[in-house]
Each structure stands twice: as structure tokens, then as C-alpha cells.
């Protein structure tokens, strides 16, 4: 009787395990595979959006985000652009919103919306900064610590939960989103304080502006 009961229990356990495994595999199959090598996958699902006083839960489909800000070297391969020697791996600055949009389209991508940008920065749990809820000056180029821009891969420990680098500080980044006649920018820049570098902080500029502290990165739809 004991042996028979054990057999029934074992069968039920194996049956549950196989069923659970199938469900897990099916869920994983919904996540796009083989994405671009220079981009990070941000899975579909809910995330916390907005500053603490007006946070809300939004849901986005899966998308890819550039791991790094577009660099001088990368930009110069697509559009006419001159930069100082040794600055190839620094973020490109100066392109207008239209220039940034054209670059992204030329490489088969697009500008991210500000909601996509914020999810890529904060993760599903709504972190205040890409690395956590406490500000850490060693994980981003902020507060004028370096007197200017730094290479896009200088702060690997400051990357977001999805592996996206340099989302805070260094240079503002254009997004596809509008704020009246302006275009929304995200991320703050190298001389901003703590408040200006929170992942929920936003600003906006006229789309034709060419500013020496304004760059961008690209996004791309992710399909199963």
C-alpha cells in the first residue's frame, strides 16, 4: 500500500514537473532570440514609469535597445562627421533630432520612445537609477567629476538590469517622444546633480537644436 502510494505520488510529481517545464519553455519561446549583437533585449511586460510622486505601471512589448550611446566612430560611418583623435569611443554630440532619426533609420533601427528608454534604465522594478535605488557617483559620469564626456563603456557597473550602459550622465539622449513642439531627452549629462540624473527625470529641446551635450542611442522592435 505504501509502495503504491509512493508510485502515485511520484507519477503526480513527474506529471507536474513535465507540465511546468512545458509552460516554462513556452514562455521562453515568446522572447525573441538572436537579436543584434550591439543591442540588449528588453522583454515584454509591465514596468514602473514616472517620478515617485506620479508613478504608474505601464506595459510595453519587447524591444531592443543599443547597449551603448552612438559613438563618434559609429556615426561617422553613416553621416559626415569629424571628431578629435582618440574620441572615437565617446558619444557623438551635436546631431539634431532629425539627424539622429536619420542615422537610426539608416542602420535599420529607430529612436526609442521615452517610455522604452525609462524601462531600459529602471528595469521591471522601477529602480531610481540603473544600478539600484541609491545614487553612486562611481557608476556614472555625473557631477562634473571628469570635466567632460567619457567613453561610452567606462562604467560597466552602472549598467541597467538589461545590460544597457551609460543611461545616466555623460550626455542627454534624444527620444522619439514629443513634449509640445519639442522632443523629449533623457539621461542627464556629465555635470548634472543627483536630481538631474534620476532615471525618471526628463527634459526637452527643439528638434532642430545642435547641442554639444546632446546625443542619442537607437532602439528596434523585437518580434518572436
C-alpha atoms as a PDB file:
ATOM      1  CA  UNK A   1       0.000   0.000   0.000  1.00  0.00           C
ATOM      2  CA  UNK A   2       2.850   2.329   0.912  1.00  0.00           C
ATOM      3  CA  UNK A   3       4.706   1.405  -2.288  1.00  0.00           C
ATOM      4  CA  UNK A   4       1.566   2.020  -4.384  1.00  0.00           C
ATOM      5  CA  UNK A   5       1.009   5.378  -2.702  1.00  0.00           C
ATOM      6  CA  UNK A   6       4.603   6.354  -3.403  1.00  0.00           C
ATOM      7  CA  UNK A   7       4.177   5.399  -7.072  1.00  0.00           C
ATOM      8  CA  UNK A   8       1.075   7.547  -7.405  1.00  0.00           C
ATOM      9  CA  UNK A   9       2.823  10.468  -5.706  1.00  0.00           C
ATOM     10  CA  UNK A  10       5.859  10.059  -7.968  1.00  0.00           C
ATOM     11  CA  UNK A  11       3.654   9.993 -11.066  1.00  0.00           C
ATOM     12  CA  UNK A  12       1.824  13.113  -9.979  1.00  0.00           C
ATOM     13  CA  UNK A  13       5.112  14.862  -9.219  1.00  0.00           C
ATOM     14  CA  UNK A  14       6.609  13.926 -12.588  1.00  0.00           C
ATOM     15  CA  UNK A  15       3.419  14.976 -14.330  1.00  0.00           C
ATOM     16  CA  UNK A  16       3.523  18.389 -12.642  1.00  0.00           C
ATOM     17  CA  UNK A  17       7.217  18.790 -13.457  1.00  0.00           C
ATOM     18  CA  UNK A  18       6.704  17.998 -17.116  1.00  0.00           C
ATOM     19  CA  UNK A  19       3.725  20.340 -17.294  1.00  0.00           C
ATOM     20  CA  UNK A  20       5.708  23.088 -15.545  1.00  0.00           C
ATOM     21  CA  UNK A  21       8.639  22.529 -17.904  1.00  0.00           C
ATOM     22  CA  UNK A  22       6.400  22.857 -20.943  1.00  0.00           C
ATOM     23  CA  UNK A  23       4.948  26.092 -19.614  1.00  0.00           C
ATOM     24  CA  UNK A  24       8.428  27.463 -18.905  1.00  0.00           C
ATOM     25  CA  UNK A  25       9.742  26.563 -22.340  1.00  0.00           C
ATOM     26  CA  UNK A  26       6.667  28.075 -23.994  1.00  0.00           C
ATOM     27  CA  UNK A  27       7.191  31.319 -22.087  1.00  0.00           C
ATOM     28  CA  UNK A  28      10.832  31.416 -23.122  1.00  0.00           C
ATOM     29  CA  UNK A  29       9.894  30.866 -26.750  1.00  0.00           C
ATOM     30  CA  UNK A  30       7.943  34.123 -26.657  1.00  0.00           C
ATOM     31  CA  UNK A  31      11.198  36.013 -26.039  1.00  0.00           C
ATOM     32  CA  UNK A  32      12.928  36.888 -29.324  1.00  0.00           C
ATOM     33  CA  UNK A  33      16.248  35.134 -29.865  1.00  0.00           C
ATOM     34  CA  UNK A  34      19.305  36.091 -31.839  1.00  0.00           C
ATOM     35  CA  UNK A  35      18.979  39.846 -31.527  1.00  0.00           C
ATOM     36  CA  UNK A  36      21.557  42.332 -32.800  1.00  0.00           C
ATOM     37  CA  UNK A  37      24.949  41.925 -31.115  1.00  0.00           C
ATOM     38  CA  UNK A  38      25.150  45.621 -30.250  1.00  0.00           C
ATOM     39  CA  UNK A  39      21.720  45.724 -28.619  1.00  0.00           C
ATOM     40  CA  UNK A  40      20.145  44.426 -25.397  1.00  0.00           C
ATOM     41  CA  UNK A  41      16.750  42.763 -25.243  1.00  0.00           C
ATOM     42  CA  UNK A  42      14.163  44.422 -23.017  1.00  0.00           C
ATOM     43  CA  UNK A  43      11.430  41.771 -22.596  1.00  0.00           C
ATOM     44  CA  UNK A  44       7.729  42.468 -22.873  1.00  0.00           C
ATOM     45  CA  UNK A  45       5.865  43.182 -19.676  1.00  0.00           C
ATOM     46  CA  UNK A  46       4.973  45.778 -17.051  1.00  0.00           C
ATOM     47  CA  UNK A  47       7.299  48.374 -15.549  1.00  0.00           C
ATOM     48  CA  UNK A  48       7.107  51.393 -13.263  1.00  0.00           C
ATOM     49  CA  UNK A  49       7.159  54.716 -15.089  1.00  0.00           C
ATOM     50  CA  UNK A  50       7.456  58.309 -13.958  1.00  0.00           C
ATOM     51  CA  UNK A  51       8.762  60.220 -10.903  1.00  0.00           C
ATOM     52  CA  UNK A  52       7.938  58.930  -7.420  1.00  0.00           C
ATOM     53  CA  UNK A  53       5.099  61.419  -6.894  1.00  0.00           C
ATOM     54  CA  UNK A  54       3.249  60.233 -10.001  1.00  0.00           C
ATOM     55  CA  UNK A  55       4.479  56.707 -10.693  1.00  0.00           C
ATOM     56  CA  UNK A  56       2.309  54.455 -12.814  1.00  0.00           C
ATOM     57  CA  UNK A  57       2.525  50.928 -14.147  1.00  0.00           C
ATOM     58  CA  UNK A  58       2.760  50.602 -17.917  1.00  0.00           C
ATOM     59  CA  UNK A  59       3.156  47.617 -20.212  1.00  0.00           C
ATOM     60  CA  UNK A  60       5.355  47.533 -23.312  1.00  0.00           C
ATOM     61  CA  UNK A  61       6.033  44.887 -25.952  1.00  0.00           C
ATOM     62  CA  UNK A  62       9.572  43.522 -26.220  1.00  0.00           C
ATOM     63  CA  UNK A  63      12.170  45.720 -27.888  1.00  0.00           C
ATOM     64  CA  UNK A  64      15.913  46.046 -28.308  1.00  0.00           C
ATOM     65  CA  UNK A  65      17.976  48.987 -27.072  1.00  0.00           C
ATOM     66  CA  UNK A  66      21.519  49.917 -28.074  1.00  0.00           C
ATOM     67  CA  UNK A  67      23.905  48.783 -25.352  1.00  0.00           C
ATOM     68  CA  UNK A  68      25.894  51.986 -25.740  1.00  0.00           C
ATOM     69  CA  UNK A  69      25.224  55.527 -26.876  1.00  0.00           C
ATOM     70  CA  UNK A  70      26.022  56.013 -30.549  1.00  0.00           C
ATOM     71  CA  UNK A  71      29.724  56.877 -30.745  1.00  0.00           C
ATOM     72  CA  UNK A  72      31.649  59.300 -32.925  1.00  0.00           C
ATOM     73  CA  UNK A  73      33.177  56.398 -34.787  1.00  0.00           C
ATOM     74  CA  UNK A  74      29.841  54.697 -35.489  1.00  0.00           C
ATOM     75  CA  UNK A  75      28.151  57.937 -36.528  1.00  0.00           C
ATOM     76  CA  UNK A  76      30.949  58.864 -38.923  1.00  0.00           C
ATOM     77  CA  UNK A  77      30.437  55.597 -40.814  1.00  0.00           C
ATOM     78  CA  UNK A  78      26.917  56.702 -41.751  1.00  0.00           C
ATOM     79  CA  UNK A  79      26.922  60.503 -41.816  1.00  0.00           C
ATOM     80  CA  UNK A  80      29.546  63.174 -42.410  1.00  0.00           C
ATOM     81  CA  UNK A  81      31.154  63.815 -39.046  1.00  0.00           C
ATOM     82  CA  UNK A  82      34.546  64.927 -37.768  1.00  0.00           C
ATOM     83  CA  UNK A  83      35.848  64.320 -34.270  1.00  0.00           C
ATOM     84  CA  UNK A  84      39.082  64.673 -32.329  1.00  0.00           C
ATOM     85  CA  UNK A  85      41.703  61.954 -32.375  1.00  0.00           C
ATOM     86  CA  UNK A  86      41.201  59.468 -29.565  1.00  0.00           C
ATOM     87  CA  UNK A  87      37.492  60.299 -29.201  1.00  0.00           C
ATOM     88  CA  UNK A  88      36.101  57.559 -31.430  1.00  0.00           C
ATOM     89  CA  UNK A  89      34.557  55.704 -28.495  1.00  0.00           C
ATOM     90  CA  UNK A  90      32.991  58.821 -26.987  1.00  0.00           C
ATOM     91  CA  UNK A  91      29.289  59.584 -27.556  1.00  0.00           C
ATOM     92  CA  UNK A  92      28.546  61.626 -30.636  1.00  0.00           C
ATOM     93  CA  UNK A  93      27.096  65.016 -29.706  1.00  0.00           C
ATOM     94  CA  UNK A  94      25.628  67.760 -31.839  1.00  0.00           C
ATOM     95  CA  UNK A  95      23.227  65.870 -34.129  1.00  0.00           C
ATOM     96  CA  UNK A  96      19.752  67.357 -34.231  1.00  0.00           C
ATOM     97  CA  UNK A  97      16.757  65.143 -33.566  1.00  0.00           C
ATOM     98  CA  UNK A  98      16.310  64.792 -37.323  1.00  0.00           C
ATOM     99  CA  UNK A  99      19.955  63.764 -37.739  1.00  0.00           C
ATOM    100  CA  UNK A 100      19.580  61.162 -35.002  1.00  0.00           C
ATOM    101  CA  UNK A 101      16.392  59.810 -36.531  1.00  0.00           C
ATOM    102  CA  UNK A 102      18.052  59.549 -39.959  1.00  0.00           C
ATOM    103  CA  UNK A 103      21.029  57.704 -38.513  1.00  0.00           C
ATOM    104  CA  UNK A 104      18.830  55.159 -36.732  1.00  0.00           C
ATOM    105  CA  UNK A 105      16.798  54.558 -39.884  1.00  0.00           C
ATOM    106  CA  UNK A 106      19.979  54.151 -41.939  1.00  0.00           C
ATOM    107  CA  UNK A 107      21.135  51.282 -39.692  1.00  0.00           C
ATOM    108  CA  UNK A 108      17.716  49.615 -39.596  1.00  0.00           C
ATOM    109  CA  UNK A 109      16.667  50.946 -36.211  1.00  0.00           C
ATOM    110  CA  UNK A 110      14.683  53.857 -34.750  1.00  0.00           C
ATOM    111  CA  UNK A 111      14.782  56.276 -31.840  1.00  0.00           C
ATOM    112  CA  UNK A 112      13.312  54.865 -28.602  1.00  0.00           C
ATOM    113  CA  UNK A 113      10.216  56.347 -27.031  1.00  0.00           C
ATOM    114  CA  UNK A 114      10.783  57.881 -23.618  1.00  0.00           C
ATOM    115  CA  UNK A 115       8.779  55.021 -22.083  1.00  0.00           C
ATOM    116  CA  UNK A 116      11.110  52.482 -23.699  1.00  0.00           C
ATOM    117  CA  UNK A 117      14.118  54.477 -22.569  1.00  0.00           C
ATOM    118  CA  UNK A 118      12.873  54.546 -18.986  1.00  0.00           C
ATOM    119  CA  UNK A 119      12.096  50.838 -18.872  1.00  0.00           C
ATOM    120  CA  UNK A 120      15.547  50.048 -20.261  1.00  0.00           C
ATOM    121  CA  UNK A 121      17.033  52.213 -17.491  1.00  0.00           C
ATOM    122  CA  UNK A 122      14.898  51.226 -14.485  1.00  0.00           C
ATOM    123  CA  UNK A 123      14.087  47.591 -15.176  1.00  0.00           C
ATOM    124  CA  UNK A 124      10.804  45.928 -14.174  1.00  0.00           C
ATOM    125  CA  UNK A 125      11.101  47.025 -10.526  1.00  0.00           C
ATOM    126  CA  UNK A 126      11.300  50.777 -11.120  1.00  0.00           C
ATOM    127  CA  UNK A 127      14.814  51.434  -9.821  1.00  0.00           C
ATOM    128  CA  UNK A 128      15.672  55.092  -9.278  1.00  0.00           C
ATOM    129  CA  UNK A 129      18.989  54.583 -11.057  1.00  0.00           C
ATOM    130  CA  UNK A 130      20.012  51.821 -13.473  1.00  0.00           C
ATOM    131  CA  UNK A 131      22.111  50.097 -10.785  1.00  0.00           C
ATOM    132  CA  UNK A 132      19.709  50.484  -7.837  1.00  0.00           C
ATOM    133  CA  UNK A 133      17.838  52.956  -5.654  1.00  0.00           C
ATOM    134  CA  UNK A 134      20.854  54.685  -4.106  1.00  0.00           C
ATOM    135  CA  UNK A 135      22.960  57.169  -6.036  1.00  0.00           C
ATOM    136  CA  UNK A 136      26.555  56.059  -6.568  1.00  0.00           C
ATOM    137  CA  UNK A 137      28.891  58.620  -8.196  1.00  0.00           C
ATOM    138  CA  UNK A 138      31.342  55.879  -9.185  1.00  0.00           C
ATOM    139  CA  UNK A 139      28.838  54.285 -11.578  1.00  0.00           C
ATOM    140  CA  UNK A 140      28.139  57.173 -13.958  1.00  0.00           C
ATOM    141  CA  UNK A 141      29.703  60.322 -15.393  1.00  0.00           C
ATOM    142  CA  UNK A 142      27.891  62.965 -13.334  1.00  0.00           C
ATOM    143  CA  UNK A 143      28.654  65.931 -11.101  1.00  0.00           C
ATOM    144  CA  UNK A 144      31.457  67.245 -13.336  1.00  0.00           C
ATOM    145  CA  UNK A 145      33.862  64.688 -11.872  1.00  0.00           C
ATOM    146  CA  UNK A 146      35.753  64.287 -15.157  1.00  0.00           C
ATOM    147  CA  UNK A 147      35.285  67.766 -16.581  1.00  0.00           C
ATOM    148  CA  UNK A 148      33.573  66.491 -19.704  1.00  0.00           C
ATOM    149  CA  UNK A 149      32.408  63.415 -21.553  1.00  0.00           C
ATOM    150  CA  UNK A 150      33.844  59.933 -21.073  1.00  0.00           C
ATOM    151  CA  UNK A 151      33.940  56.794 -23.270  1.00  0.00           C
ATOM    152  CA  UNK A 152      30.602  55.021 -23.533  1.00  0.00           C
ATOM    153  CA  UNK A 153      31.910  51.838 -21.875  1.00  0.00           C
ATOM    154  CA  UNK A 154      33.669  53.464 -18.909  1.00  0.00           C
ATOM    155  CA  UNK A 155      31.077  52.483 -16.270  1.00  0.00           C
ATOM    156  CA  UNK A 156      30.132  48.795 -16.676  1.00  0.00           C
ATOM    157  CA  UNK A 157      28.965  48.608 -13.056  1.00  0.00           C
ATOM    158  CA  UNK A 158      26.409  51.304 -13.787  1.00  0.00           C
ATOM    159  CA  UNK A 159      24.617  49.294 -16.456  1.00  0.00           C
ATOM    160  CA  UNK A 160      20.878  48.683 -16.177  1.00  0.00           C
ATOM    161  CA  UNK A 161      19.199  45.348 -15.291  1.00  0.00           C
ATOM    162  CA  UNK A 162      19.044  44.598 -19.022  1.00  0.00           C
ATOM    163  CA  UNK A 163      22.734  45.337 -19.594  1.00  0.00           C
ATOM    164  CA  UNK A 164      22.391  48.801 -21.132  1.00  0.00           C
ATOM    165  CA  UNK A 165      25.324  51.124 -20.352  1.00  0.00           C
ATOM    166  CA  UNK A 166      25.631  54.853 -19.721  1.00  0.00           C
ATOM    167  CA  UNK A 167      21.926  55.604 -19.399  1.00  0.00           C
ATOM    168  CA  UNK A 168      22.685  58.097 -16.656  1.00  0.00           C
ATOM    169  CA  UNK A 169      25.006  61.062 -17.128  1.00  0.00           C
ATOM    170  CA  UNK A 170      27.563  61.681 -19.886  1.00  0.00           C
ATOM    171  CA  UNK A 171      25.138  63.201 -22.445  1.00  0.00           C
ATOM    172  CA  UNK A 172      21.420  63.787 -22.855  1.00  0.00           C
ATOM    173  CA  UNK A 173      19.791  61.385 -25.324  1.00  0.00           C
ATOM    174  CA  UNK A 174      17.093  62.177 -27.893  1.00  0.00           C
ATOM    175  CA  UNK A 175      13.925  60.073 -27.833  1.00  0.00           C
ATOM    176  CA  UNK A 176      11.054  59.765 -30.292  1.00  0.00           C
ATOM    177  CA  UNK A 177       8.586  61.272 -27.817  1.00  0.00           C
ATOM    178  CA  UNK A 178       7.155  64.767 -28.043  1.00  0.00           C
ATOM    179  CA  UNK A 179       6.686  67.479 -25.439  1.00  0.00           C
ATOM    180  CA  UNK A 180       4.645  70.083 -27.264  1.00  0.00           C
ATOM    181  CA  UNK A 181       6.818  71.365 -30.117  1.00  0.00           C
ATOM    182  CA  UNK A 182       9.942  69.879 -28.511  1.00  0.00           C
ATOM    183  CA  UNK A 183      11.373  66.377 -28.400  1.00  0.00           C
ATOM    184  CA  UNK A 184      11.946  64.643 -25.071  1.00  0.00           C
ATOM    185  CA  UNK A 185      15.504  63.887 -23.971  1.00  0.00           C
ATOM    186  CA  UNK A 186      16.561  61.518 -21.206  1.00  0.00           C
ATOM    187  CA  UNK A 187      19.550  60.587 -19.062  1.00  0.00           C
ATOM    188  CA  UNK A 188      21.057  63.857 -17.891  1.00  0.00           C
ATOM    189  CA  UNK A 189      24.635  64.836 -18.643  1.00  0.00           C
ATOM    190  CA  UNK A 190      28.121  64.886 -17.214  1.00  0.00           C
ATOM    191  CA  UNK A 191      27.729  67.962 -14.981  1.00  0.00           C
ATOM    192  CA  UNK A 192      24.222  67.193 -13.620  1.00  0.00           C
ATOM    193  CA  UNK A 193      23.498  66.658  -9.919  1.00  0.00           C
ATOM    194  CA  UNK A 194      21.709  63.673  -8.384  1.00  0.00           C
ATOM    195  CA  UNK A 195      18.224  65.007  -9.146  1.00  0.00           C
ATOM    196  CA  UNK A 196      19.003  65.527 -12.814  1.00  0.00           C
ATOM    197  CA  UNK A 197      20.319  62.017 -13.211  1.00  0.00           C
ATOM    198  CA  UNK A 198      17.413  60.009 -11.822  1.00  0.00           C
ATOM    199  CA  UNK A 199      16.157  57.577 -14.441  1.00  0.00           C
ATOM    200  CA  UNK A 200      12.707  59.187 -14.341  1.00  0.00           C
ATOM    201  CA  UNK A 201      13.992  62.715 -14.991  1.00  0.00           C
ATOM    202  CA  UNK A 202      13.084  64.254 -18.340  1.00  0.00           C
ATOM    203  CA  UNK A 203      13.827  67.358 -20.348  1.00  0.00           C
ATOM    204  CA  UNK A 204      13.072  68.533 -23.881  1.00  0.00           C
ATOM    205  CA  UNK A 205      14.619  70.582 -26.674  1.00  0.00           C
ATOM    206  CA  UNK A 206      13.563  71.841 -30.111  1.00  0.00           C
ATOM    207  CA  UNK A 207      14.240  69.048 -32.634  1.00  0.00           C
ATOM    208  CA  UNK A 208      16.485  71.245 -34.802  1.00  0.00           C
ATOM    209  CA  UNK A 209      18.863  72.033 -31.922  1.00  0.00           C
ATOM    210  CA  UNK A 210      22.537  71.063 -32.253  1.00  0.00           C
ATOM    211  CA  UNK A 211      23.965  70.911 -28.736  1.00  0.00           C
ATOM    212  CA  UNK A 212      27.416  69.818 -27.583  1.00  0.00           C
ATOM    213  CA  UNK A 213      25.960  67.747 -24.758  1.00  0.00           C
ATOM    214  CA  UNK A 214      23.117  66.029 -26.640  1.00  0.00           C
ATOM    215  CA  UNK A 215      23.485  62.604 -28.261  1.00  0.00           C
ATOM    216  CA  UNK A 216      21.332  59.510 -28.714  1.00  0.00           C
ATOM    217  CA  UNK A 217      21.034  55.761 -28.960  1.00  0.00           C
ATOM    218  CA  UNK A 218      18.740  53.616 -31.097  1.00  0.00           C
ATOM    219  CA  UNK A 219      16.038  51.047 -30.439  1.00  0.00           C
ATOM    220  CA  UNK A 220      14.394  48.340 -32.512  1.00  0.00           C
ATOM    221  CA  UNK A 221      11.183  46.315 -32.358  1.00  0.00           C
ATOM    222  CA  UNK A 222      11.640  42.726 -31.141  1.00  0.00           C
ATOM    223  CA  UNK A 223       9.450  40.092 -32.733  1.00  0.00           C
ATOM    224  CA  UNK A 224       9.111  36.391 -31.795  1.00  0.00           C
END
